[in-house]
Structures are given as structure tokens and as C-alpha cells.
Amino acid sequence: MIDVRWNSKRNAIDCILPITRPTSKVRIKRKGIFPVATRKEKLTKQDYIEWQISYQNNKTGELIEFGRIISIAFNKGIVSRKDIYSLINSIKDTETFEESYKISRRITTIMFNRFRVIYEKIPILRYSFEDGCYIDIALKHKQKAVGYQAMIYIYIPLLNVKSIFSDPLIGRESYTKERVIWNPLKDHILGLLRSFLIASKTHKKDIVENVIPKIVSK
């Protein structure tokens, strides 16, 4: 589980992210595309953290990751009740990403060793920030059910984070079980909220009816 906490010394939200688990929900990618084995390859300025972010534990209902971020942000006055509900109301009647787009296939006439080449087209929504971070909402096939599901990823440049150790990240391999600290700002938080609201009807309903009431009613 990702550790999200309030840093009272710096008045900031600390998201403490692992960077040595290439098959986990948090991993390093080069230029946002190619996975990096951080224990073997030196980190560069072109590297990003890819975080497939969630908001609550589906079994217990406990707020995690983004749920913790927005809860702390509200309690510390980073985002207000007006910020949250103005955003919810501004898109409450719009269709979601899952309703509007589908994964498609294009069958070509190209053959490869007696196999026909087929291209799969996966729609992705991107929301960019001025500091180089961006959010991708990608449509994926459901693994244990029929249909599609929207997955939310936030990409964070390595230049925007600090290691829990004092050493600079760029130009070296990562240390064993190394973690880094990212401090989300108001724009990141509202951008992530928007992403979950437009991703799917399920996410929108869950955020509006379960997550937000837990936060603003405290």
C-alpha cells in the first residue's frame, strides 16, 4: 500500500512511492513508455514514475492513495468544499469515457509467417500539468468480466520527486527498496478528481456517493 501522509514541517502532502518494483502499480518508465529496471539502469532526466492510482480499498471501503490525498487536502484547506462540488456539478451530466469510447481492431492484409496482422486501437485521455506531470485514462479489457474498464495513471517526472535518501536520483541506479516522495499540489488533486469523475459511471457514483461524503462530513 502507498503511504500518503501530511508533512507538518513543510505543510505538504507526502506520497511515498517505491521505484524498484517494475511489475507493481508504481514503476519507472523512460519517456513515459519504456519500463526501466532501476536496480540495473541509471536513472535519467527523461524518466517518469507511472502510478496506477486508486482511491479506496474495494473490500473494506478504506480510503487509500487518491482517497487519502483528497481527504488530507480538504482537511488542511488545500481544496475547499466549493472546489470539490463546483467540479462535480460542472460535469455531472456529461457522458463518461467508458460510455463514449471503445477499443477497436483493424484487420490488415499484411501477413506474418502465415498469420494475419491485426492492430488494436486503445483510446487514451490525457490531462497535462505545467510542471510536466500528466494523467492518462486508458480503456482496458476487463480481466475477469465482459467489457471495458477505465484505468487512471498519473505520470510524475523524476525531476519532481526526492529520494528518501539524501543522494540525487539522476545518474545512478536505485538503491534496494528505494522510495521517493512526491508532493501533489491543488491542480494535481483536482485533475485526479476530474479524471475519476469522467472515467466511468462506476467511479463517478462511487466518488460522489461514498468517497466525498466521507471527507466533507468530518
Protein backbone atom coordinates (compact mmCIF):
# COMPACT_ATOMS: atom_id res chain seq x y z
CA MET A 1 0.00 0.00 0.00
CA ILE A 2 1.24 3.50 -0.86
CA ASP A 3 1.95 5.67 2.17
CA VAL A 4 0.19 9.06 1.96
CA ARG A 5 0.66 11.42 4.90
CA TRP A 6 0.71 15.07 5.94
CA ASN A 7 4.15 16.62 6.41
CA SER A 8 3.64 19.29 9.08
CA LYS A 9 7.19 20.62 8.73
CA ARG A 10 6.72 21.57 5.09
CA ASN A 11 2.92 21.90 5.03
CA ALA A 12 2.69 19.42 2.18
CA ILE A 13 1.19 16.04 1.36
CA ASP A 14 3.83 13.35 1.08
CA CYS A 15 3.16 10.45 -1.29
CA ILE A 16 5.90 7.90 -0.66
CA LEU A 17 6.34 5.79 -3.78
CA PRO A 18 8.51 2.70 -4.39
CA ILE A 19 10.71 2.81 -7.51
CA THR A 20 12.20 -0.70 -7.51
CA ARG A 21 9.11 -2.77 -8.36
CA PRO A 22 8.78 -2.82 -12.17
CA THR A 23 5.68 -5.08 -12.10
CA SER A 24 3.77 -3.16 -9.43
CA LYS A 25 1.26 -0.30 -9.65
CA VAL A 26 4.17 2.14 -9.31
CA ARG A 27 7.09 1.82 -11.71
CA ILE A 28 9.62 3.89 -13.61
CA LYS A 29 9.18 4.47 -17.33
CA ARG A 30 11.52 6.18 -19.77
CA LYS A 31 9.75 8.97 -21.66
CA GLY A 32 6.54 7.57 -20.19
CA ILE A 33 6.69 4.48 -22.43
CA PHE A 34 9.51 2.04 -21.75
CA PRO A 35 9.77 0.33 -18.30
CA VAL A 36 13.12 0.79 -16.57
CA ALA A 37 14.89 -1.79 -14.39
CA THR A 38 16.02 0.80 -11.88
CA ARG A 39 18.37 -1.54 -10.00
CA LYS A 40 20.34 -2.15 -13.21
CA GLU A 41 19.93 1.04 -15.26
CA LYS A 42 20.95 4.58 -14.34
CA LEU A 43 18.05 6.97 -13.88
CA THR A 44 17.78 9.90 -16.31
CA LYS A 45 16.00 13.23 -16.65
CA GLN A 46 13.65 11.61 -19.18
CA ASP A 47 12.31 9.09 -16.66
CA TYR A 48 8.81 9.24 -15.22
CA ILE A 49 7.04 7.49 -12.38
CA GLU A 50 3.89 5.75 -13.61
CA TRP A 51 1.37 5.34 -10.79
CA GLN A 52 -1.83 3.41 -11.46
CA ILE A 53 -3.75 5.22 -8.78
CA SER A 54 -6.78 4.06 -6.78
CA TYR A 55 -9.00 5.81 -4.24
CA GLN A 56 -10.34 3.13 -1.90
CA ASN A 57 -9.98 -0.49 -0.86
CA ASN A 58 -12.80 -2.35 -2.61
CA LYS A 59 -13.11 -4.88 0.20
CA THR A 60 -13.05 -2.62 3.24
CA GLY A 61 -14.08 0.77 1.81
CA GLU A 62 -11.00 2.33 3.41
CA LEU A 63 -9.69 5.42 1.62
CA ILE A 64 -6.29 4.80 0.04
CA GLU A 65 -3.97 6.65 -2.36
CA PHE A 66 -6.08 9.37 -4.04
CA GLY A 67 -8.77 8.97 -1.39
CA ARG A 68 -6.16 9.77 1.26
CA ILE A 69 -4.73 12.63 -0.82
CA ILE A 70 -8.04 14.45 -1.26
CA SER A 71 -9.06 13.77 2.35
CA ILE A 72 -5.87 15.36 3.68
CA ALA A 73 -6.10 18.19 1.14
CA PHE A 74 -9.63 19.02 2.30
CA ASN A 75 -8.79 18.82 6.00
CA LYS A 76 -5.73 21.05 5.54
CA GLY A 77 -7.53 23.63 3.39
CA ILE A 78 -5.70 22.88 0.14
CA VAL A 79 -9.01 22.20 -1.59
CA SER A 80 -12.33 23.55 -0.38
CA ARG A 81 -15.89 22.21 -0.38
CA LYS A 82 -16.61 24.70 -3.16
CA ASP A 83 -13.67 23.41 -5.25
CA ILE A 84 -14.94 19.85 -4.95
CA TYR A 85 -18.63 20.42 -5.61
CA SER A 86 -18.09 23.00 -8.35
CA LEU A 87 -16.09 20.38 -10.24
CA ILE A 88 -18.64 17.64 -9.59
CA ASN A 89 -21.53 19.86 -10.72
CA SER A 90 -19.70 21.07 -13.83
CA ILE A 91 -19.54 17.55 -15.29
CA LYS A 92 -22.45 15.77 -13.60
CA ASP A 93 -24.49 15.49 -16.82
CA THR A 94 -21.65 14.56 -19.19
CA GLU A 95 -21.05 11.07 -20.53
CA THR A 96 -18.10 9.18 -19.13
CA PHE A 97 -15.07 7.91 -21.02
CA GLU A 98 -16.28 4.31 -20.84
CA GLU A 99 -19.63 5.30 -22.35
CA SER A 100 -18.11 7.37 -25.14
CA TYR A 101 -15.21 5.24 -26.41
CA LYS A 102 -14.47 1.60 -27.22
CA ILE A 103 -11.41 -0.46 -28.04
CA SER A 104 -11.37 -1.24 -31.75
CA ARG A 105 -9.46 -3.56 -34.07
CA ARG A 106 -8.26 -3.06 -37.62
CA ILE A 107 -7.67 -6.19 -39.67
CA THR A 108 -4.97 -5.66 -42.28
CA THR A 109 -3.98 -7.54 -45.43
CA ILE A 110 -0.45 -7.94 -44.04
CA MET A 111 0.68 -11.49 -43.32
CA PHE A 112 3.47 -12.53 -40.95
CA ASN A 113 4.61 -16.16 -41.18
CA ARG A 114 1.06 -17.19 -42.23
CA PHE A 115 -0.58 -15.07 -39.51
CA ARG A 116 -2.67 -12.02 -40.35
CA VAL A 117 -1.60 -8.77 -38.68
CA ILE A 118 -4.32 -7.07 -36.63
CA TYR A 119 -3.90 -3.70 -34.91
CA GLU A 120 -5.78 -2.93 -31.71
CA LYS A 121 -6.62 0.72 -31.11
CA ILE A 122 -6.89 1.73 -27.45
CA PRO A 123 -8.29 5.20 -26.66
CA ILE A 124 -6.48 7.24 -24.02
CA LEU A 125 -7.39 10.60 -22.48
CA ARG A 126 -4.53 12.82 -21.33
CA TYR A 127 -4.61 15.74 -18.89
CA SER A 128 -1.34 17.69 -18.64
CA PHE A 129 0.04 19.97 -15.92
CA GLU A 130 2.52 22.82 -16.18
CA ASP A 131 5.16 21.01 -14.09
CA GLY A 132 5.46 18.09 -16.55
CA CYS A 133 3.11 15.72 -14.72
CA TYR A 134 0.20 14.28 -16.66
CA ILE A 135 -2.73 11.93 -16.18
CA ASP A 136 -3.70 9.21 -18.65
CA ILE A 137 -7.08 7.49 -18.56
CA ALA A 138 -6.74 4.31 -20.59
CA LEU A 139 -9.50 1.92 -21.63
CA LYS A 140 -8.60 -1.72 -20.94
CA HIS A 141 -10.33 -5.07 -21.36
CA LYS A 142 -11.73 -6.37 -18.07
CA GLN A 143 -9.74 -9.39 -16.92
CA LYS A 144 -12.49 -11.24 -15.07
CA ALA A 145 -15.62 -9.90 -16.75
CA VAL A 146 -17.05 -8.86 -20.10
CA GLY A 147 -16.48 -5.31 -21.29
CA TYR A 148 -14.05 -2.49 -20.66
CA GLN A 149 -12.74 -0.57 -17.69
CA ALA A 150 -11.03 2.81 -17.45
CA MET A 151 -7.71 2.86 -15.61
CA ILE A 152 -6.23 6.08 -14.21
CA TYR A 153 -2.47 6.64 -14.30
CA ILE A 154 -0.54 9.68 -13.13
CA TYR A 155 2.92 10.26 -14.57
CA ILE A 156 5.41 12.17 -12.45
CA PRO A 157 8.82 13.27 -13.77
CA LEU A 158 11.70 12.01 -11.62
CA LEU A 159 12.83 15.63 -11.50
CA ASN A 160 9.68 16.35 -9.44
CA VAL A 161 10.43 13.89 -6.62
CA LYS A 162 13.07 13.39 -3.93
CA SER A 163 14.57 10.17 -2.65
CA ILE A 164 14.08 9.23 0.99
CA PHE A 165 17.87 9.15 0.96
CA SER A 166 19.88 12.35 0.57
CA ASP A 167 21.52 11.32 -2.73
CA PRO A 168 20.23 12.82 -6.03
CA LEU A 169 18.34 10.29 -8.18
CA ILE A 170 19.56 11.25 -11.64
CA GLY A 171 22.66 9.49 -12.93
CA ARG A 172 22.62 6.41 -10.70
CA GLU A 173 20.83 3.09 -10.18
CA SER A 174 18.22 2.96 -7.44
CA TYR A 175 19.08 1.56 -4.04
CA THR A 176 17.45 -1.58 -2.63
CA LYS A 177 13.78 -0.91 -1.84
CA GLU A 178 14.29 2.79 -2.52
CA ARG A 179 11.30 5.09 -2.25
CA VAL A 180 10.72 8.67 -3.34
CA ILE A 181 8.49 11.47 -2.10
CA TRP A 182 6.07 13.36 -4.34
CA ASN A 183 4.08 16.36 -3.13
CA PRO A 184 0.81 16.76 -5.06
CA LEU A 185 -0.46 20.31 -5.47
CA LYS A 186 -4.02 21.57 -5.71
CA ASP A 187 -4.02 21.33 -9.52
CA HIS A 188 -2.90 17.69 -9.38
CA ILE A 189 -5.59 16.84 -6.84
CA LEU A 190 -8.43 18.46 -8.76
CA GLY A 191 -7.11 16.95 -12.00
CA LEU A 192 -7.24 13.48 -10.45
CA LEU A 193 -10.72 14.14 -9.10
CA ARG A 194 -11.87 15.15 -12.58
CA SER A 195 -10.26 12.00 -14.00
CA PHE A 196 -12.17 9.64 -11.72
CA LEU A 197 -15.42 11.53 -12.32
CA ILE A 198 -15.19 11.24 -16.11
CA ALA A 199 -13.58 7.79 -16.32
CA SER A 200 -16.68 5.67 -15.71
CA LYS A 201 -20.18 5.71 -14.26
CA THR A 202 -18.99 3.36 -11.52
CA HIS A 203 -16.13 5.64 -10.48
CA LYS A 204 -18.33 8.74 -10.66
CA LYS A 205 -21.07 7.17 -8.50
CA ASP A 206 -18.53 5.85 -6.01
CA ILE A 207 -16.70 9.17 -5.72
CA VAL A 208 -19.87 11.27 -5.38
CA GLU A 209 -21.85 8.95 -3.10
CA ASN A 210 -19.16 7.28 -0.99
CA VAL A 211 -15.75 8.98 -1.08
CA ILE A 212 -16.62 12.69 -0.96
CA PRO A 213 -19.28 12.36 1.79
CA LYS A 214 -16.71 10.59 3.99
CA ILE A 215 -14.37 13.55 3.55
CA VAL A 216 -16.58 16.64 3.75
CA SER A 217 -18.75 15.35 6.60
CA LYS A 218 -15.79 15.14 9.01
